[in-house]
Amino acid sequence: MVDLLFWRFADKSPDHNAKSLFDSAQPPTSTQINFKMEDTQVKKTLVICLALLVFASMTALAATKGTTVTINGGKMTIAMQPGTIHPAASRPAKLKTIYSNLGTGTDVYNCCSGWTIGGSSGPAGEQWIAMPFTPKKASTVKQIDVAVGYVEGTNEIVISLDADTSGLPGKTIHKWHFKNMPTFGSCCTLDTVKYAKGLKVKAKKQYWVTVTTDTTDADLWGAWNQVWNGATGGWAFSTNGGAWTATSGTLGAYNVLGTIP
């Protein structure tokens, strides 16, 4: 019931003709939720938070911690009360943007709505997310920034750069274990991983940035914050250790930096 109520409140209807479970779970955009820090927008946020609290009290959710809940069968995580907001760190001057969907200032990403990232024993269930990008020119990846926030469990995720196989994440090119994510519901700290030697990527060839878990963080509940402007596109998910599945919806916020000849 909470899912249906949430969509009615957001003035959206589930897509019953969707091809995957995510297609029926398109999230509210940053504009719809109005999670911006100006005074009038904060008032709107408080109204939404109160409504969601009422909805949450009416039925059991997949996972809850304080004012953070999962909706749509655990696929999404919502922070009903925004946390600390501060500008993101500036991009290293020597690096160029290979791909980015990040905003600026204190609106780098949606603080309070994200795709659930969970381990096999986590309270929100196991779910991994992958976002694609296609370099315009042959480049060397040296840094990746993802907006993934922490809710509970072991504060660690696995971030990887993967090749593409038939439109889905394929062979892992390199992976990192990132610890100490910011609290979900805050903005605009990013989870930054680096590779000094660089990782070569080809022009006009699709690659993937994936966020997963392993045995070291199986109890994790986190969320990949959605983009600041509600932009949508194709991406992929995996649940309960299953194969990657293509879907579409609001994108997770991230960038890929490096050198471009």
C-alpha atoms as a PDB file:
ATOM      1  CA  MET A   1       0.000   0.000   0.000  1.00  0.00           C
ATOM      2  CA  VAL A   2       2.770   2.437   0.817  1.00  0.00           C
ATOM      3  CA  ASP A   3       4.076   2.164  -2.743  1.00  0.00           C
ATOM      4  CA  LEU A   4       0.708   3.011  -4.247  1.00  0.00           C
ATOM      5  CA  LEU A   5       0.180   5.888  -1.850  1.00  0.00           C
ATOM      6  CA  PHE A   6       3.620   7.276  -2.585  1.00  0.00           C
ATOM      7  CA  TRP A   7       3.014   7.281  -6.322  1.00  0.00           C
ATOM      8  CA  ARG A   8      -0.334   8.990  -5.938  1.00  0.00           C
ATOM      9  CA  PHE A   9       1.278  11.620  -3.748  1.00  0.00           C
ATOM     10  CA  ALA A  10       4.003  12.176  -6.324  1.00  0.00           C
ATOM     11  CA  ASP A  11       1.360  12.387  -9.056  1.00  0.00           C
ATOM     12  CA  LYS A  12       2.796   9.429 -10.890  1.00  0.00           C
ATOM     13  CA  SER A  13       1.276   6.126 -11.903  1.00  0.00           C
ATOM     14  CA  PRO A  14       3.069   2.799 -12.177  1.00  0.00           C
ATOM     15  CA  ASP A  15       3.769   1.607 -15.694  1.00  0.00           C
ATOM     16  CA  HIS A  16       1.958  -1.714 -15.903  1.00  0.00           C
ATOM     17  CA  ASN A  17       3.442  -2.397 -19.340  1.00  0.00           C
ATOM     18  CA  ALA A  18       7.022  -2.242 -18.098  1.00  0.00           C
ATOM     19  CA  LYS A  19       9.564  -4.870 -19.121  1.00  0.00           C
ATOM     20  CA  SER A  20      11.310  -5.113 -15.750  1.00  0.00           C
ATOM     21  CA  LEU A  21      10.492  -4.593 -12.109  1.00  0.00           C
ATOM     22  CA  PHE A  22      12.207  -1.218 -12.151  1.00  0.00           C
ATOM     23  CA  ASP A  23      10.102   0.131 -15.006  1.00  0.00           C
ATOM     24  CA  SER A  24       7.110   0.186 -12.686  1.00  0.00           C
ATOM     25  CA  ALA A  25       9.070   2.050 -10.067  1.00  0.00           C
ATOM     26  CA  GLN A  26      10.035   5.333 -11.659  1.00  0.00           C
ATOM     27  CA  PRO A  27      11.012   7.641  -8.800  1.00  0.00           C
ATOM     28  CA  PRO A  28      10.026  11.211  -8.203  1.00  0.00           C
ATOM     29  CA  THR A  29      12.444  13.718  -9.671  1.00  0.00           C
ATOM     30  CA  SER A  30      14.350  16.269  -7.655  1.00  0.00           C
ATOM     31  CA  THR A  31      11.790  18.851  -8.783  1.00  0.00           C
ATOM     32  CA  GLN A  32       8.866  16.714  -7.613  1.00  0.00           C
ATOM     33  CA  ILE A  33      10.375  16.018  -4.230  1.00  0.00           C
ATOM     34  CA  ASN A  34      11.696  19.586  -3.972  1.00  0.00           C
ATOM     35  CA  PHE A  35      14.678  18.611  -1.877  1.00  0.00           C
ATOM     36  CA  LYS A  36      16.491  21.915  -2.340  1.00  0.00           C
ATOM     37  CA  MET A  37      17.767  23.980   0.463  1.00  0.00           C
ATOM     38  CA  GLU A  38      15.961  27.287  -0.143  1.00  0.00           C
ATOM     39  CA  ASP A  39      13.488  28.130   2.605  1.00  0.00           C
ATOM     40  CA  THR A  40      10.332  27.715   0.557  1.00  0.00           C
ATOM     41  CA  GLN A  41      11.528  24.394  -0.831  1.00  0.00           C
ATOM     42  CA  VAL A  42      12.350  23.102   2.637  1.00  0.00           C
ATOM     43  CA  LYS A  43       8.734  23.784   3.611  1.00  0.00           C
ATOM     44  CA  LYS A  44       7.570  21.662   0.696  1.00  0.00           C
ATOM     45  CA  THR A  45      10.002  18.931   1.718  1.00  0.00           C
ATOM     46  CA  LEU A  46       8.587  18.892   5.238  1.00  0.00           C
ATOM     47  CA  VAL A  47       5.085  18.416   3.866  1.00  0.00           C
ATOM     48  CA  ILE A  48       6.245  15.449   1.796  1.00  0.00           C
ATOM     49  CA  CYS A  49       8.144  14.015   4.761  1.00  0.00           C
ATOM     50  CA  LEU A  50       5.034  14.174   6.938  1.00  0.00           C
ATOM     51  CA  ALA A  51       2.964  12.498   4.249  1.00  0.00           C
ATOM     52  CA  LEU A  52       5.491   9.708   3.868  1.00  0.00           C
ATOM     53  CA  LEU A  53       5.616   9.214   7.621  1.00  0.00           C
ATOM     54  CA  VAL A  54       1.855   8.742   7.639  1.00  0.00           C
ATOM     55  CA  PHE A  55       2.104   6.264   4.794  1.00  0.00           C
ATOM     56  CA  ALA A  56       4.907   4.385   6.523  1.00  0.00           C
ATOM     57  CA  SER A  57       2.814   4.001   9.671  1.00  0.00           C
ATOM     58  CA  MET A  58       0.060   2.324   7.699  1.00  0.00           C
ATOM     59  CA  THR A  59       2.024  -0.701   6.550  1.00  0.00           C
ATOM     60  CA  ALA A  60       5.253  -2.587   7.076  1.00  0.00           C
ATOM     61  CA  LEU A  61       8.146  -1.471   4.863  1.00  0.00           C
ATOM     62  CA  ALA A  62      10.971  -3.638   3.593  1.00  0.00           C
ATOM     63  CA  ALA A  63      13.445  -1.739   5.760  1.00  0.00           C
ATOM     64  CA  THR A  64      13.421   1.293   8.030  1.00  0.00           C
ATOM     65  CA  LYS A  65      15.982   3.163  10.091  1.00  0.00           C
ATOM     66  CA  GLY A  66      14.945   6.391  11.734  1.00  0.00           C
ATOM     67  CA  THR A  67      13.434   8.525   8.982  1.00  0.00           C
ATOM     68  CA  THR A  68      14.984   6.483   6.164  1.00  0.00           C
ATOM     69  CA  VAL A  69      12.831   3.843   4.479  1.00  0.00           C
ATOM     70  CA  THR A  70      12.715   1.634   1.439  1.00  0.00           C
ATOM     71  CA  ILE A  71       9.781   1.713  -0.960  1.00  0.00           C
ATOM     72  CA  ASN A  72       8.676  -0.169  -4.077  1.00  0.00           C
ATOM     73  CA  GLY A  73       9.567  -3.545  -2.634  1.00  0.00           C
ATOM     74  CA  GLY A  74      12.936  -2.364  -1.388  1.00  0.00           C
ATOM     75  CA  LYS A  75      14.133  -1.141  -4.778  1.00  0.00           C
ATOM     76  CA  MET A  76      14.341   2.500  -3.678  1.00  0.00           C
ATOM     77  CA  THR A  77      15.543   4.170  -0.509  1.00  0.00           C
ATOM     78  CA  ILE A  78      14.089   7.476   0.665  1.00  0.00           C
ATOM     79  CA  ALA A  79      15.422   9.788   3.403  1.00  0.00           C
ATOM     80  CA  MET A  80      12.366  11.626   4.664  1.00  0.00           C
ATOM     81  CA  GLN A  81      14.418  14.230   6.506  1.00  0.00           C
ATOM     82  CA  PRO A  82      17.373  15.873   4.688  1.00  0.00           C
ATOM     83  CA  GLY A  83      20.699  15.873   6.499  1.00  0.00           C
ATOM     84  CA  THR A  84      23.775  18.076   6.230  1.00  0.00           C
ATOM     85  CA  ILE A  85      24.161  19.913   2.934  1.00  0.00           C
ATOM     86  CA  HIS A  86      27.494  21.325   1.751  1.00  0.00           C
ATOM     87  CA  PRO A  87      29.225  21.765  -1.631  1.00  0.00           C
ATOM     88  CA  ALA A  88      31.171  18.899  -3.162  1.00  0.00           C
ATOM     89  CA  ALA A  89      34.939  19.018  -3.473  1.00  0.00           C
ATOM     90  CA  SER A  90      36.235  20.558  -6.679  1.00  0.00           C
ATOM     91  CA  ARG A  91      37.468  18.399  -9.538  1.00  0.00           C
ATOM     92  CA  PRO A  92      41.266  17.943  -9.768  1.00  0.00           C
ATOM     93  CA  ALA A  93      42.569  20.539 -12.221  1.00  0.00           C
ATOM     94  CA  LYS A  94      44.605  18.037 -14.222  1.00  0.00           C
ATOM     95  CA  LEU A  95      41.669  15.754 -14.917  1.00  0.00           C
ATOM     96  CA  LYS A  96      39.030  16.161 -17.583  1.00  0.00           C
ATOM     97  CA  THR A  97      35.454  14.963 -17.550  1.00  0.00           C
ATOM     98  CA  ILE A  98      34.943  11.763 -19.512  1.00  0.00           C
ATOM     99  CA  TYR A  99      31.365  11.495 -18.287  1.00  0.00           C
ATOM    100  CA  SER A 100      29.295  13.284 -15.644  1.00  0.00           C
ATOM    101  CA  ASN A 101      25.660  13.726 -14.661  1.00  0.00           C
ATOM    102  CA  LEU A 102      26.469  15.620 -11.458  1.00  0.00           C
ATOM    103  CA  GLY A 103      25.056  19.023 -10.647  1.00  0.00           C
ATOM    104  CA  THR A 104      26.888  21.881  -8.964  1.00  0.00           C
ATOM    105  CA  GLY A 105      27.175  23.667  -5.633  1.00  0.00           C
ATOM    106  CA  THR A 106      24.759  22.224  -3.083  1.00  0.00           C
ATOM    107  CA  ASP A 107      22.682  20.523  -5.773  1.00  0.00           C
ATOM    108  CA  VAL A 108      25.184  17.919  -6.959  1.00  0.00           C
ATOM    109  CA  TYR A 109      22.673  15.073  -6.603  1.00  0.00           C
ATOM    110  CA  ASN A 110      19.313  14.286  -5.054  1.00  0.00           C
ATOM    111  CA  CYS A 111      20.075  14.058  -1.348  1.00  0.00           C
ATOM    112  CA  CYS A 112      17.141  11.958  -0.364  1.00  0.00           C
ATOM    113  CA  SER A 113      16.074   9.566  -3.120  1.00  0.00           C
ATOM    114  CA  GLY A 114      18.217   6.705  -4.378  1.00  0.00           C
ATOM    115  CA  TRP A 115      18.402   3.175  -5.681  1.00  0.00           C
ATOM    116  CA  THR A 116      18.976   0.719  -2.848  1.00  0.00           C
ATOM    117  CA  ILE A 117      22.394  -0.915  -2.584  1.00  0.00           C
ATOM    118  CA  GLY A 118      22.289  -3.924  -0.285  1.00  0.00           C
ATOM    119  CA  GLY A 119      24.243  -7.004   0.697  1.00  0.00           C
ATOM    120  CA  SER A 120      22.945 -10.553   0.968  1.00  0.00           C
ATOM    121  CA  SER A 121      22.277 -10.297   4.718  1.00  0.00           C
ATOM    122  CA  GLY A 122      21.387  -6.603   4.822  1.00  0.00           C
ATOM    123  CA  PRO A 123      18.005  -5.362   6.064  1.00  0.00           C
ATOM    124  CA  ALA A 124      17.028  -4.002   2.644  1.00  0.00           C
ATOM    125  CA  GLY A 125      17.908  -7.180   0.737  1.00  0.00           C
ATOM    126  CA  GLU A 126      20.604  -7.744  -1.862  1.00  0.00           C
ATOM    127  CA  GLN A 127      20.576  -5.342  -4.789  1.00  0.00           C
ATOM    128  CA  TRP A 128      23.388  -4.051  -6.999  1.00  0.00           C
ATOM    129  CA  ILE A 129      23.231  -1.212  -9.504  1.00  0.00           C
ATOM    130  CA  ALA A 130      25.229  -0.412 -12.663  1.00  0.00           C
ATOM    131  CA  MET A 131      25.259   2.812 -14.687  1.00  0.00           C
ATOM    132  CA  PRO A 132      26.637   3.034 -18.261  1.00  0.00           C
ATOM    133  CA  PHE A 133      28.716   5.653 -20.024  1.00  0.00           C
ATOM    134  CA  THR A 134      30.217   5.966 -23.486  1.00  0.00           C
ATOM    135  CA  PRO A 135      33.403   8.037 -23.955  1.00  0.00           C
ATOM    136  CA  LYS A 136      33.276  10.406 -26.901  1.00  0.00           C
ATOM    137  CA  LYS A 137      37.027  10.014 -27.378  1.00  0.00           C
ATOM    138  CA  ALA A 138      39.609   7.419 -26.391  1.00  0.00           C
ATOM    139  CA  SER A 139      40.475   8.282 -22.796  1.00  0.00           C
ATOM    140  CA  THR A 140      42.289   7.137 -19.676  1.00  0.00           C
ATOM    141  CA  VAL A 141      40.159   6.796 -16.545  1.00  0.00           C
ATOM    142  CA  LYS A 142      41.925   7.940 -13.382  1.00  0.00           C
ATOM    143  CA  GLN A 143      39.085   8.768 -11.011  1.00  0.00           C
ATOM    144  CA  ILE A 144      35.457   7.809 -10.496  1.00  0.00           C
ATOM    145  CA  ASP A 145      33.083   9.632  -8.138  1.00  0.00           C
ATOM    146  CA  VAL A 146      29.782   8.033  -7.176  1.00  0.00           C
ATOM    147  CA  ALA A 147      27.049   9.406  -4.928  1.00  0.00           C
ATOM    148  CA  VAL A 148      26.308   6.424  -2.708  1.00  0.00           C
ATOM    149  CA  GLY A 149      25.126   7.026   0.841  1.00  0.00           C
ATOM    150  CA  TYR A 150      25.213   4.836   3.925  1.00  0.00           C
ATOM    151  CA  VAL A 151      22.225   3.749   6.023  1.00  0.00           C
ATOM    152  CA  GLU A 152      23.381   0.836   8.188  1.00  0.00           C
ATOM    153  CA  GLY A 153      25.563  -2.257   8.337  1.00  0.00           C
ATOM    154  CA  THR A 154      29.201  -2.314   7.246  1.00  0.00           C
ATOM    155  CA  ASN A 155      30.072   1.056   5.741  1.00  0.00           C
ATOM    156  CA  GLU A 156      31.734  -0.246   2.603  1.00  0.00           C
ATOM    157  CA  ILE A 157      30.898  -0.808  -1.071  1.00  0.00           C
ATOM    158  CA  VAL A 158      32.627  -2.286  -4.092  1.00  0.00           C
ATOM    159  CA  ILE A 159      32.952   0.120  -7.026  1.00  0.00           C
ATOM    160  CA  SER A 160      34.095  -1.255 -10.358  1.00  0.00           C
ATOM    161  CA  LEU A 161      34.718  -0.209 -13.933  1.00  0.00           C
ATOM    162  CA  ASP A 162      33.353  -2.924 -16.208  1.00  0.00           C
ATOM    163  CA  ALA A 163      33.427  -3.616 -19.909  1.00  0.00           C
ATOM    164  CA  ASP A 164      30.150  -4.082 -21.773  1.00  0.00           C
ATOM    165  CA  THR A 165      28.782  -7.433 -22.869  1.00  0.00           C
ATOM    166  CA  SER A 166      25.648  -7.299 -25.014  1.00  0.00           C
ATOM    167  CA  GLY A 167      24.402  -4.137 -23.360  1.00  0.00           C
ATOM    168  CA  LEU A 168      25.057  -5.268 -19.786  1.00  0.00           C
ATOM    169  CA  PRO A 169      28.029  -5.135 -17.390  1.00  0.00           C
ATOM    170  CA  GLY A 170      30.656  -7.632 -18.440  1.00  0.00           C
ATOM    171  CA  LYS A 171      34.266  -8.280 -17.471  1.00  0.00           C
ATOM    172  CA  THR A 172      35.557  -6.172 -14.592  1.00  0.00           C
ATOM    173  CA  ILE A 173      38.427  -3.941 -15.685  1.00  0.00           C
ATOM    174  CA  HIS A 174      39.247  -2.762 -12.176  1.00  0.00           C
ATOM    175  CA  LYS A 175      37.522  -2.624  -8.794  1.00  0.00           C
ATOM    176  CA  TRP A 176      37.923  -0.741  -5.548  1.00  0.00           C
ATOM    177  CA  HIS A 177      36.670  -1.248  -1.992  1.00  0.00           C
ATOM    178  CA  PHE A 178      35.428   2.097  -0.739  1.00  0.00           C
ATOM    179  CA  LYS A 179      34.843   2.682   2.982  1.00  0.00           C
ATOM    180  CA  ASN A 180      33.206   5.455   5.005  1.00  0.00           C
ATOM    181  CA  MET A 181      30.393   6.606   2.753  1.00  0.00           C
ATOM    182  CA  PRO A 182      28.512   9.744   3.802  1.00  0.00           C
ATOM    183  CA  THR A 183      25.161   9.312   5.523  1.00  0.00           C
ATOM    184  CA  PHE A 184      22.347   8.881   3.044  1.00  0.00           C
ATOM    185  CA  GLY A 185      20.133  11.953   3.069  1.00  0.00           C
ATOM    186  CA  SER A 186      23.070  14.364   3.091  1.00  0.00           C
ATOM    187  CA  CYS A 187      24.748  16.151   0.177  1.00  0.00           C
ATOM    188  CA  CYS A 188      27.119  16.626  -1.534  1.00  0.00           C
ATOM    189  CA  THR A 189      30.036  14.363  -0.545  1.00  0.00           C
ATOM    190  CA  LEU A 190      31.082  11.852  -3.206  1.00  0.00           C
ATOM    191  CA  ASP A 191      32.697   8.424  -2.891  1.00  0.00           C
ATOM    192  CA  THR A 192      35.958   8.848  -4.801  1.00  0.00           C
ATOM    193  CA  VAL A 193      38.192   6.062  -6.097  1.00  0.00           C
ATOM    194  CA  LYS A 194      41.392   6.598  -8.060  1.00  0.00           C
ATOM    195  CA  TYR A 195      43.835   4.680 -10.251  1.00  0.00           C
ATOM    196  CA  ALA A 196      47.002   6.649 -10.840  1.00  0.00           C
ATOM    197  CA  LYS A 197      48.257   4.630 -13.812  1.00  0.00           C
ATOM    198  CA  GLY A 198      44.936   5.019 -15.564  1.00  0.00           C
ATOM    199  CA  LEU A 199      42.549   2.614 -17.244  1.00  0.00           C
ATOM    200  CA  LYS A 200      42.205   2.848 -21.011  1.00  0.00           C
ATOM    201  CA  VAL A 201      38.724   3.167 -22.498  1.00  0.00           C
ATOM    202  CA  LYS A 202      37.863   3.362 -26.183  1.00  0.00           C
ATOM    203  CA  ALA A 203      35.878   5.992 -28.015  1.00  0.00           C
ATOM    204  CA  LYS A 204      32.166   5.351 -28.610  1.00  0.00           C
ATOM    205  CA  LYS A 205      32.276   2.071 -26.713  1.00  0.00           C
ATOM    206  CA  GLN A 206      30.004   1.543 -23.732  1.00  0.00           C
ATOM    207  CA  TYR A 207      31.395   0.874 -20.248  1.00  0.00           C
ATOM    208  CA  TRP A 208      29.801   0.518 -16.833  1.00  0.00           C
ATOM    209  CA  VAL A 209      30.329   1.855 -13.345  1.00  0.00           C
ATOM    210  CA  THR A 210      28.906  -0.707 -10.921  1.00  0.00           C
ATOM    211  CA  VAL A 211      28.258  -0.573  -7.196  1.00  0.00           C
ATOM    212  CA  THR A 212      28.036  -3.965  -5.514  1.00  0.00           C
ATOM    213  CA  THR A 213      28.800  -5.762  -2.246  1.00  0.00           C
ATOM    214  CA  ASP A 214      30.768  -8.865  -1.285  1.00  0.00           C
ATOM    215  CA  THR A 215      31.440 -10.987   1.802  1.00  0.00           C
ATOM    216  CA  THR A 216      33.106  -8.074   3.623  1.00  0.00           C
ATOM    217  CA  ASP A 217      29.958  -5.931   3.550  1.00  0.00           C
ATOM    218  CA  ALA A 218      27.124  -8.413   3.183  1.00  0.00           C
ATOM    219  CA  ASP A 219      25.100  -6.629   5.865  1.00  0.00           C
ATOM    220  CA  LEU A 220      25.164  -3.249   4.110  1.00  0.00           C
ATOM    221  CA  TRP A 221      22.144  -1.074   3.441  1.00  0.00           C
ATOM    222  CA  GLY A 222      22.992   1.975   1.353  1.00  0.00           C
ATOM    223  CA  ALA A 223      21.618   3.812  -1.653  1.00  0.00           C
ATOM    224  CA  TRP A 224      22.932   5.275  -4.894  1.00  0.00           C
ATOM    225  CA  ASN A 225      21.598   8.837  -4.902  1.00  0.00           C
ATOM    226  CA  GLN A 226      19.683   9.807  -7.987  1.00  0.00           C
ATOM    227  CA  VAL A 227      20.665  12.694 -10.232  1.00  0.00           C
ATOM    228  CA  TRP A 228      19.860  16.259  -9.253  1.00  0.00           C
ATOM    229  CA  ASN A 229      17.602  16.963 -12.250  1.00  0.00           C
ATOM    230  CA  GLY A 230      15.709  13.676 -12.493  1.00  0.00           C
ATOM    231  CA  ALA A 231      17.324  12.709 -15.827  1.00  0.00           C
ATOM    232  CA  THR A 232      16.451   9.211 -16.986  1.00  0.00           C
ATOM    233  CA  GLY A 233      18.137   6.584 -19.115  1.00  0.00           C
ATOM    234  CA  GLY A 234      19.028   2.933 -19.407  1.00  0.00           C
ATOM    235  CA  TRP A 235      20.997   1.094 -16.726  1.00  0.00           C
ATOM    236  CA  ALA A 236      21.124  -2.319 -15.046  1.00  0.00           C
ATOM    237  CA  PHE A 237      20.433  -4.028 -11.733  1.00  0.00           C
ATOM    238  CA  SER A 238      21.010  -7.369 -10.060  1.00  0.00           C
ATOM    239  CA  THR A 239      19.070  -8.796  -7.121  1.00  0.00           C
ATOM    240  CA  ASN A 240      19.858 -11.726  -4.862  1.00  0.00           C
ATOM    241  CA  GLY A 241      23.005 -12.639  -6.732  1.00  0.00           C
ATOM    242  CA  GLY A 242      21.233 -12.982 -10.070  1.00  0.00           C
ATOM    243  CA  ALA A 243      22.328 -11.911 -13.524  1.00  0.00           C
ATOM    244  CA  TRP A 244      22.412  -8.273 -14.554  1.00  0.00           C
ATOM    245  CA  THR A 245      19.091  -7.113 -15.990  1.00  0.00           C
ATOM    246  CA  ALA A 246      18.569  -4.067 -18.195  1.00  0.00           C
ATOM    247  CA  THR A 247      16.063  -1.448 -17.086  1.00  0.00           C
ATOM    248  CA  SER A 248      15.487   2.291 -17.336  1.00  0.00           C
ATOM    249  CA  GLY A 249      14.611   5.096 -14.973  1.00  0.00           C
ATOM    250  CA  THR A 250      16.171   7.941 -13.037  1.00  0.00           C
ATOM    251  CA  LEU A 251      19.958   7.689 -13.213  1.00  0.00           C
ATOM    252  CA  GLY A 252      22.331   7.263 -10.300  1.00  0.00           C
ATOM    253  CA  ALA A 253      24.654  10.253  -9.868  1.00  0.00           C
ATOM    254  CA  TYR A 254      28.347   9.855 -10.743  1.00  0.00           C
ATOM    255  CA  ASN A 255      31.194  11.005 -12.911  1.00  0.00           C
ATOM    256  CA  VAL A 256      34.240   9.545 -14.624  1.00  0.00           C
ATOM    257  CA  LEU A 257      37.398  11.637 -14.807  1.00  0.00           C
ATOM    258  CA  GLY A 258      40.748  11.184 -16.508  1.00  0.00           C
ATOM    259  CA  THR A 259      42.871  12.323 -19.375  1.00  0.00           C
ATOM    260  CA  ILE A 260      41.705  12.819 -22.939  1.00  0.00           C
ATOM    261  CA  PRO A 261      44.378  13.161 -25.645  1.00  0.00           C
END
